[in-house]
Protein backbone atom coordinates (compact mmCIF):
# COMPACT_ATOMS: atom_id res chain seq x y z
CA UNK A 1 -0.06 -0.06 0.18
CA UNK A 2 1.29 3.62 -0.58
CA UNK A 3 2.08 5.35 2.38
CA UNK A 4 0.39 8.99 2.87
CA UNK A 5 2.00 11.76 4.68
CA UNK A 6 0.44 15.07 5.42
CA UNK A 7 2.24 18.56 4.77
CA UNK A 8 0.36 21.93 5.49
CA UNK A 9 1.01 24.98 3.65
CA UNK A 10 1.07 26.90 7.21
CA UNK A 11 4.14 26.61 9.44
CA UNK A 12 5.91 25.15 11.08
CA UNK A 13 5.85 28.40 13.07
CA UNK A 14 6.83 29.68 16.57
CA UNK A 15 4.51 29.09 19.12
CA UNK A 16 3.36 31.05 22.03
CA UNK A 17 1.25 29.98 25.29
CA UNK A 18 -0.18 30.63 28.35
CA UNK A 19 -1.72 28.90 31.37
CA UNK A 20 -3.72 31.71 33.03
CA UNK A 21 -6.30 32.77 30.61
CA UNK A 22 -9.23 34.11 31.96
CA UNK A 23 -8.29 32.89 35.83
CA UNK A 24 -11.19 34.84 37.20
CA UNK A 25 -14.01 34.00 35.14
CA UNK A 26 -16.88 32.85 37.03
CA UNK A 27 -17.65 29.66 35.07
CA UNK A 28 -14.12 29.06 33.18
CA UNK A 29 -11.92 29.70 35.84
CA UNK A 30 -13.62 27.76 38.54
CA UNK A 31 -11.10 24.93 38.39
CA UNK A 32 -8.34 26.25 36.81
CA UNK A 33 -7.74 28.99 34.04
CA UNK A 34 -7.43 28.32 30.41
CA UNK A 35 -4.49 27.07 28.95
CA UNK A 36 -3.82 28.51 25.37
CA UNK A 37 -1.40 28.14 22.27
CA UNK A 38 -1.17 30.05 19.14
CA UNK A 39 1.13 31.03 16.33
CA UNK A 40 3.18 33.83 17.27
CA UNK A 41 4.39 35.61 14.42
CA UNK A 42 1.03 35.28 12.05
CA UNK A 43 -2.81 36.08 12.85
CA UNK A 44 -4.54 32.35 13.66
CA UNK A 45 -6.52 30.95 10.71
CA UNK A 46 -8.72 28.99 13.00
CA UNK A 47 -9.65 28.22 16.69
CA UNK A 48 -9.65 24.74 18.39
CA UNK A 49 -11.53 24.39 21.63
CA UNK A 50 -10.01 21.00 23.08
CA UNK A 51 -11.63 19.04 25.88
CA UNK A 52 -10.04 16.58 28.24
CA UNK A 53 -10.55 13.50 29.20
CA UNK A 54 -12.02 12.10 32.41
CA UNK A 55 -9.11 13.16 35.65
CA UNK A 56 -7.13 14.98 33.23
CA UNK A 57 -6.85 18.87 32.79
CA UNK A 58 -6.58 21.45 30.59
CA UNK A 59 -2.63 21.09 31.30
CA UNK A 60 -2.34 17.80 29.23
CA UNK A 61 -2.28 17.23 25.69
CA UNK A 62 0.39 19.84 25.02
CA UNK A 63 2.21 17.89 22.07
CA UNK A 64 -0.80 17.59 19.78
CA UNK A 65 -2.12 21.30 20.94
CA UNK A 66 1.24 22.82 19.88
CA UNK A 67 1.05 20.99 16.82
CA UNK A 68 -1.75 22.34 15.54
CA UNK A 69 -0.76 25.82 16.74
CA UNK A 70 2.47 25.37 14.82
CA UNK A 71 0.69 25.66 11.82
CA UNK A 72 -1.78 28.11 12.32
CA UNK A 73 -4.63 27.56 15.01
CA UNK A 74 -5.53 29.23 18.38
CA UNK A 75 -6.08 26.05 20.57
CA UNK A 76 -8.03 26.46 23.60
CA UNK A 77 -7.73 24.08 26.75
CA UNK A 78 -10.59 24.52 29.39
CA UNK A 79 -10.22 22.20 32.72
CA UNK A 80 -13.44 20.74 34.03
CA UNK A 81 -14.69 19.93 37.45
CA UNK A 82 -13.92 16.27 36.87
CA UNK A 83 -10.27 16.81 36.43
CA UNK A 84 -8.25 14.85 39.16
CA UNK A 85 -7.04 17.90 40.86
CA UNK A 86 -10.62 19.51 41.12
CA UNK A 87 -12.17 16.14 42.72
CA UNK A 88 -9.69 15.97 45.36
CA UNK A 89 -10.41 19.56 46.37
CA UNK A 90 -14.01 18.84 46.25
CA UNK A 91 -13.97 15.45 48.07
CA UNK A 92 -11.13 15.58 50.86
CA UNK A 93 -12.46 12.07 52.04
CA UNK A 94 -10.39 10.61 48.91
CA UNK A 95 -7.63 11.40 50.81
CA UNK A 96 -5.56 12.98 47.74
CA UNK A 97 -3.27 15.72 47.80
CA UNK A 98 -4.88 18.03 44.87
CA UNK A 99 -1.38 19.57 44.58
CA UNK A 100 0.51 16.20 43.82
CA UNK A 101 1.14 14.31 40.81
CA UNK A 102 -2.33 12.37 40.39
CA UNK A 103 -2.16 11.00 37.04
CA UNK A 104 -1.64 7.52 38.35
CA UNK A 105 -5.38 7.65 39.84
CA UNK A 106 -6.50 4.82 37.50
CA UNK A 107 -4.32 2.50 39.66
CA UNK A 108 -6.26 3.47 42.82
CA UNK A 109 -9.32 1.15 43.21
CA UNK A 110 -11.48 3.71 45.30
CA UNK A 111 -10.66 6.72 43.16
CA UNK A 112 -11.19 4.49 40.19
CA UNK A 113 -14.66 3.52 41.42
CA UNK A 114 -15.66 7.30 42.48
CA UNK A 115 -14.41 8.50 38.93
CA UNK A 116 -16.57 5.82 37.18
CA UNK A 117 -19.63 7.31 38.94
CA UNK A 118 -18.87 11.07 37.80
CA UNK A 119 -18.42 9.93 34.38
CA UNK A 120 -22.09 8.72 34.50
CA UNK A 121 -23.29 11.87 36.21
CA UNK A 122 -25.69 13.80 34.00
CA UNK A 123 -24.73 17.05 35.92
CA UNK A 124 -21.29 16.70 35.11
CA UNK A 125 -21.76 16.41 31.44
CA UNK A 126 -24.16 19.32 31.46
CA UNK A 127 -21.39 21.13 33.38
CA UNK A 128 -18.77 20.48 30.79
CA UNK A 129 -21.40 21.71 28.11
CA UNK A 130 -21.74 24.82 30.32
CA UNK A 131 -17.85 25.68 30.49
CA UNK A 132 -17.67 24.80 26.80
CA UNK A 133 -20.37 27.66 25.68
CA UNK A 134 -18.61 29.89 28.30
CA UNK A 135 -15.61 29.79 26.27
CA UNK A 136 -17.39 30.78 23.40
CA UNK A 137 -19.28 33.45 24.73
CA UNK A 138 -15.59 34.86 26.12
CA UNK A 139 -13.90 34.40 22.33
CA UNK A 140 -13.19 37.86 22.36
CA UNK A 141 -11.54 38.45 25.83
CA UNK A 142 -9.53 34.95 25.32
CA UNK A 143 -8.41 36.30 22.02
CA UNK A 144 -7.00 39.68 23.60
CA UNK A 145 -5.23 37.90 26.28
CA UNK A 146 -3.63 35.56 23.78
CA UNK A 147 -2.97 36.12 20.05
CA UNK A 148 -4.23 39.98 20.51
CA UNK A 149 -6.14 39.69 17.37
CA UNK A 150 -10.21 39.42 16.76
CA UNK A 151 -11.10 35.67 16.10
CA UNK A 152 -14.81 35.91 16.40
CA UNK A 153 -14.97 35.41 12.37
CA UNK A 154 -12.78 32.52 12.09
CA UNK A 155 -14.36 28.95 11.85
CA UNK A 156 -13.98 27.10 14.76
CA UNK A 157 -13.48 23.05 15.55
CA UNK A 158 -14.54 21.33 19.02
CA UNK A 159 -12.40 18.40 19.97
CA UNK A 160 -11.92 15.94 22.50
CA UNK A 161 -10.24 13.03 24.13
CA UNK A 162 -12.32 10.18 25.53
CA UNK A 163 -14.81 12.00 27.99
CA UNK A 164 -13.79 14.97 26.07
CA UNK A 165 -15.20 13.29 22.85
CA UNK A 166 -18.60 13.01 24.56
CA UNK A 167 -18.74 16.58 25.18
CA UNK A 168 -17.30 17.53 21.59
CA UNK A 169 -20.22 15.17 20.18
CA UNK A 170 -22.92 16.87 21.84
CA UNK A 171 -21.65 20.35 20.67
CA UNK A 172 -21.49 18.87 17.46
CA UNK A 173 -25.24 17.81 17.39
CA UNK A 174 -25.58 14.37 18.73
CA UNK A 175 -28.63 14.12 21.18
CA UNK A 176 -28.83 12.19 24.36
CA UNK A 177 -31.93 10.83 26.31
CA UNK A 178 -31.45 12.35 29.83
CA UNK A 179 -32.76 10.47 33.09
CA UNK A 180 -35.90 12.32 33.33
CA UNK A 181 -36.93 11.39 29.90
CA UNK A 182 -36.16 14.21 28.23
CA UNK A 183 -34.08 14.70 24.73
CA UNK A 184 -30.71 16.41 25.61
CA UNK A 185 -29.96 18.77 22.64
CA UNK A 186 -26.61 20.73 22.92
CA UNK A 187 -25.53 21.74 19.57
CA UNK A 188 -23.72 25.10 19.06
CA UNK A 189 -23.64 26.22 15.83
CA UNK A 190 -20.32 28.62 16.49
CA UNK A 191 -18.53 25.11 16.11
CA UNK A 192 -18.04 24.54 12.31
CA UNK A 193 -16.26 20.77 12.72
CA UNK A 194 -15.54 18.23 15.74
CA UNK A 195 -12.49 15.96 16.12
CA UNK A 196 -13.47 12.93 18.31
CA UNK A 197 -10.87 10.97 19.83
CA UNK A 198 -11.61 7.78 21.46
CA UNK A 199 -15.19 8.53 21.36
CA UNK A 200 -18.19 6.82 22.69
CA UNK A 201 -20.78 4.98 21.14
CA UNK A 202 -24.45 3.60 22.04
CA UNK A 203 -25.94 2.75 25.46
CA UNK A 204 -23.48 5.17 27.61
CA UNK A 205 -24.41 8.40 28.66
CA UNK A 206 -27.59 8.36 27.27
CA UNK A 207 -26.30 7.88 23.64
CA UNK A 208 -28.47 5.40 21.47
CA UNK A 209 -28.86 4.32 17.86
CA UNK A 210 -30.29 7.85 16.85
CA UNK A 211 -28.41 9.99 18.47
CA UNK A 212 -26.16 11.22 15.75
CA UNK A 213 -28.92 11.89 13.26
CA UNK A 214 -28.39 15.61 13.64
CA UNK A 215 -24.70 15.51 13.91
CA UNK A 216 -24.70 16.48 10.12
CA UNK A 217 -21.32 18.64 9.95
CA UNK A 218 -17.84 17.56 9.21
CA UNK A 219 -16.48 14.91 12.12
CA UNK A 220 -13.34 13.06 12.18
CA UNK A 221 -13.49 10.01 14.38
CA UNK A 222 -10.43 7.99 15.73
CA UNK A 223 -9.78 5.05 17.83
CA UNK A 224 -7.39 2.35 17.69
CA UNK A 225 -7.83 -1.38 17.39
CA UNK A 226 -6.72 -1.81 21.23
CA UNK A 227 -9.09 1.10 22.47
CA UNK A 228 -11.57 0.04 24.94
CA UNK A 229 -14.41 2.18 26.97
CA UNK A 230 -15.30 2.48 30.16
CA UNK A 231 -17.82 -0.37 29.82
CA UNK A 232 -15.11 -2.70 27.57
CA UNK A 233 -16.40 -1.75 24.21
CA UNK A 234 -14.15 -2.28 21.63
CA UNK A 235 -12.84 0.05 18.55
CA UNK A 236 -16.04 -0.93 16.80
CA UNK A 237 -18.25 0.49 19.49
CA UNK A 238 -15.58 3.65 19.17
CA UNK A 239 -16.54 4.15 15.76
CA UNK A 240 -20.34 4.12 15.77
CA UNK A 241 -20.14 7.99 15.86
CA UNK A 242 -19.18 7.82 12.26
CA UNK A 243 -21.26 4.85 11.32
CA UNK A 244 -24.59 6.19 12.52
CA UNK A 245 -24.08 9.78 11.68
CA UNK A 246 -25.54 10.90 8.20
CA UNK A 247 -23.05 11.41 5.25
CA UNK A 248 -21.07 14.60 4.33
CA UNK A 249 -17.85 15.35 5.80
CA UNK A 250 -17.31 12.65 7.86
CA UNK A 251 -14.00 10.58 8.43
CA UNK A 252 -12.94 7.53 10.48
CA UNK A 253 -9.35 6.57 11.51
CA UNK A 254 -8.73 3.08 13.17
CA UNK A 255 -5.06 3.08 13.88
CA UNK A 256 -3.62 -0.38 14.11
CA UNK A 257 -2.73 -1.74 17.58
CA UNK A 258 -3.09 1.82 19.00
CA UNK A 259 -4.66 1.68 22.80
CA UNK A 260 -6.62 4.56 24.54
CA UNK A 261 -3.80 6.91 24.31
CA UNK A 262 -3.13 6.02 20.64
CA UNK A 263 0.63 6.31 20.71
CA UNK A 264 0.70 8.26 24.08
CA UNK A 265 -0.45 11.74 22.18
CA UNK A 266 -1.97 13.03 25.82
CA UNK A 267 1.51 13.21 27.52
CA UNK A 268 0.88 11.49 30.13
CA UNK A 269 3.54 9.21 32.37
CA UNK A 270 2.97 5.55 31.64
CA UNK A 271 1.49 5.70 28.48
CA UNK A 272 2.64 3.35 25.65
CA UNK A 273 4.78 5.26 23.29
CA UNK A 274 4.34 4.51 19.68
CA UNK A 275 5.69 7.64 17.30
CA UNK A 276 4.07 6.38 14.28
CA UNK A 277 0.75 6.54 15.87
CA UNK A 278 1.08 9.69 17.32
CA UNK A 279 2.38 10.89 13.69
CA UNK A 280 -0.46 9.77 12.07
CA UNK A 281 -2.95 11.17 14.54
CA UNK A 282 -1.22 14.63 14.09
CA UNK A 283 -1.15 14.52 10.28
CA UNK A 284 -4.77 13.25 9.72
CA UNK A 285 -6.14 15.76 12.99
CA UNK A 286 -4.42 18.76 10.90
CA UNK A 287 -5.53 18.04 7.51
CA UNK A 288 -8.90 17.85 8.84
CA UNK A 289 -8.86 21.16 10.50
CA UNK A 290 -7.23 22.44 7.35
CA UNK A 291 -9.72 21.49 5.49
CA UNK A 292 -12.66 22.43 7.30
CA UNK A 293 -11.18 25.79 8.97
CA UNK A 294 -9.08 26.97 5.96
CA UNK A 295 -11.11 25.41 3.03
CA UNK A 296 -7.77 23.93 2.14
CA UNK A 297 -8.53 22.14 -1.09
CA UNK A 298 -5.12 20.24 -0.71
CA UNK A 299 -5.98 19.21 2.38
CA UNK A 300 -9.04 17.99 1.42
CA UNK A 301 -7.95 16.11 -1.74
CA UNK A 302 -5.13 14.39 0.53
CA UNK A 303 -8.29 13.12 2.98
CA UNK A 304 -9.68 11.88 0.02
CA UNK A 305 -6.47 9.90 -0.79
CA UNK A 306 -5.73 8.25 2.55
CA UNK A 307 -5.79 4.35 2.36
CA UNK A 308 -4.10 1.75 4.39
CA UNK A 309 -0.92 3.91 5.90
CA UNK A 310 -0.28 7.22 7.28
CA UNK A 311 3.03 8.18 8.12
CA UNK A 312 4.27 4.49 8.20
CA UNK A 313 1.22 3.58 10.98
CA UNK A 314 -1.20 1.19 9.17
CA UNK A 315 -4.85 2.20 9.48
CA UNK A 316 -8.21 1.79 8.49
CA UNK A 317 -9.69 4.37 6.95
CA UNK A 318 -13.21 5.53 5.85
CA UNK A 319 -15.22 8.64 4.33
CA UNK A 320 -18.28 9.28 3.68
């Protein structure tokens, strides 16, 4: 098979970053200020809001975030109430020091059980949506504090990993069944595209077979053959947002032999490191952003050519 590699026509550029943006905001800064990265020498060409996974924080995922910023994007990382530091502060009976390194929480049975409860708590889902909407409402203030130029007219993408991909699905138009019997609709039309990294399929967190019928915008879904969900669903389950969404700008990449962290892209100690997987994710995600946020015809054509291997990594790649 022919190996495909993608190179953007923007960058690589110098990157600037801040970790204290909107620290005083009642909603956004309640748990931790925004981490933002952007190209230092040119105005951003688009905006990406990235949602972290359960127990993580806006301070992680730096390598992927920097890659996108290096090629022209303002990348905004909120931290949610389910970050491990925020949970440790809110629930002292867990016996955790909120200022210590808590990245190993998955090996603590009691903490892992509590975090699993949090994952399946609807108020936590809605809290994430509220923070993301607050970020978009404050986009002018964020731009002033970072790149210093207006970004309200730029196209935006919502992205996320794991629990973050769940939030991204909701903002992209996926509809859920809430415990009170109501249908949860959270689509935010300020987002023009979505990137779902290790997302969720049916029968979890209110998702069902028709959940994605209204997710009609461009979406990139990425998983790996060793990826597993909270209820042990495999990569086929992780691919359901692609399979059940309507055609039009939809892409699915399944990385061969990749686990939940897809080569270690989330920058957390102890993750399995596979450079080819990380590079495939970087290239495909950047091409998707270039195609959808910058209207790059070259990126769109490249996405249409992918088959079999990306950057030396075997992949299953579908489009519709």
